[in-house]
Amino acid sequence: MMARYTRADVIVVGLIGERGREVKDFIENILGAEGRARSVVIAAPADVSPLLRMQGAA
């Protein structure tokens, strides 16, 4: 909700270790089209290797 209703020019979201379906739901339903237009999303779901999740968080 904070990402959708904030007044920032650019929103940076890090989704590290979330379930893949939750990442998809967040991007499609929570951010919405307007939020996606001004967002940068870094996602490393739980089903990728720990090394990739660490790189996503760095």
C-alpha atoms as a PDB file:
ATOM      1  CA  MET A   1       0.000   0.000   0.000  1.00  0.00           C
ATOM      2  CA  MET A   2       2.821   2.378   0.783  1.00  0.00           C
ATOM      3  CA  ALA A   3       4.286   1.902  -2.692  1.00  0.00           C
ATOM      4  CA  ARG A   4       0.988   2.663  -4.380  1.00  0.00           C
ATOM      5  CA  TYR A   5       0.041   5.817  -2.470  1.00  0.00           C
ATOM      6  CA  THR A   6       3.417   7.479  -1.953  1.00  0.00           C
ATOM      7  CA  ARG A   7       4.130  10.814  -3.626  1.00  0.00           C
ATOM      8  CA  ALA A   8       7.693   9.939  -4.666  1.00  0.00           C
ATOM      9  CA  ASP A   9       8.875  10.341  -8.252  1.00  0.00           C
ATOM     10  CA  VAL A  10      10.514   6.892  -8.270  1.00  0.00           C
ATOM     11  CA  ILE A  11       9.726   3.904  -6.080  1.00  0.00           C
ATOM     12  CA  VAL A  12      12.392   1.251  -5.468  1.00  0.00           C
ATOM     13  CA  VAL A  13      11.080  -2.073  -4.162  1.00  0.00           C
ATOM     14  CA  GLY A  14      13.204  -5.065  -3.142  1.00  0.00           C
ATOM     15  CA  LEU A  15      11.374  -8.384  -2.894  1.00  0.00           C
ATOM     16  CA  ILE A  16      13.993 -10.844  -1.676  1.00  0.00           C
ATOM     17  CA  GLY A  17      12.973 -14.359  -0.636  1.00  0.00           C
ATOM     18  CA  GLU A  18       9.270 -13.913  -1.358  1.00  0.00           C
ATOM     19  CA  ARG A  19       7.239 -16.604  -3.082  1.00  0.00           C
ATOM     20  CA  GLY A  20       7.100 -16.174  -6.841  1.00  0.00           C
ATOM     21  CA  ARG A  21       3.328 -15.860  -6.897  1.00  0.00           C
ATOM     22  CA  GLU A  22       3.505 -13.128  -4.239  1.00  0.00           C
ATOM     23  CA  VAL A  23       5.981 -11.183  -6.376  1.00  0.00           C
ATOM     24  CA  LYS A  24       3.629 -11.428  -9.351  1.00  0.00           C
ATOM     25  CA  ASP A  25       0.625 -10.431  -7.230  1.00  0.00           C
ATOM     26  CA  PHE A  26       2.481  -7.422  -5.815  1.00  0.00           C
ATOM     27  CA  ILE A  27       3.578  -6.180  -9.228  1.00  0.00           C
ATOM     28  CA  GLU A  28       0.224  -6.696 -10.935  1.00  0.00           C
ATOM     29  CA  ASN A  29      -2.293  -5.917  -8.203  1.00  0.00           C
ATOM     30  CA  ILE A  30      -0.638  -3.836  -5.497  1.00  0.00           C
ATOM     31  CA  LEU A  31       1.483  -1.538  -7.663  1.00  0.00           C
ATOM     32  CA  GLY A  32      -0.956  -1.391 -10.543  1.00  0.00           C
ATOM     33  CA  ALA A  33      -0.234   0.228 -13.895  1.00  0.00           C
ATOM     34  CA  GLU A  34       0.449   3.684 -12.478  1.00  0.00           C
ATOM     35  CA  GLY A  35       2.813   2.349  -9.820  1.00  0.00           C
ATOM     36  CA  ARG A  36       4.698   0.170 -12.314  1.00  0.00           C
ATOM     37  CA  ALA A  37       5.327   3.196 -14.521  1.00  0.00           C
ATOM     38  CA  ARG A  38       7.420   4.841 -11.797  1.00  0.00           C
ATOM     39  CA  SER A  39       8.848   1.805 -10.009  1.00  0.00           C
ATOM     40  CA  VAL A  40      12.030  -0.205 -10.042  1.00  0.00           C
ATOM     41  CA  VAL A  41      11.434  -3.708  -8.675  1.00  0.00           C
ATOM     42  CA  ILE A  42      14.322  -5.974  -7.679  1.00  0.00           C
ATOM     43  CA  ALA A  43      12.975  -9.477  -7.129  1.00  0.00           C
ATOM     44  CA  ALA A  44      14.843 -12.604  -6.096  1.00  0.00           C
ATOM     45  CA  PRO A  45      12.146 -15.146  -5.208  1.00  0.00           C
ATOM     46  CA  ALA A  46      12.608 -17.945  -2.705  1.00  0.00           C
ATOM     47  CA  ASP A  47      12.989 -20.537  -5.474  1.00  0.00           C
ATOM     48  CA  VAL A  48      16.280 -19.078  -6.770  1.00  0.00           C
ATOM     49  CA  SER A  49      19.661 -19.929  -5.287  1.00  0.00           C
ATOM     50  CA  PRO A  50      20.842 -18.250  -2.079  1.00  0.00           C
ATOM     51  CA  LEU A  51      23.667 -16.605  -4.038  1.00  0.00           C
ATOM     52  CA  LEU A  52      21.195 -14.896  -6.375  1.00  0.00           C
ATOM     53  CA  ARG A  53      19.120 -13.745  -3.410  1.00  0.00           C
ATOM     54  CA  MET A  54      22.249 -12.262  -1.823  1.00  0.00           C
ATOM     55  CA  GLN A  55      23.103 -10.464  -5.064  1.00  0.00           C
ATOM     56  CA  GLY A  56      19.562  -9.135  -5.300  1.00  0.00           C
ATOM     57  CA  ALA A  57      19.828  -7.748  -1.786  1.00  0.00           C
ATOM     58  CA  ALA A  58      23.230  -6.132  -2.363  1.00  0.00           C
END
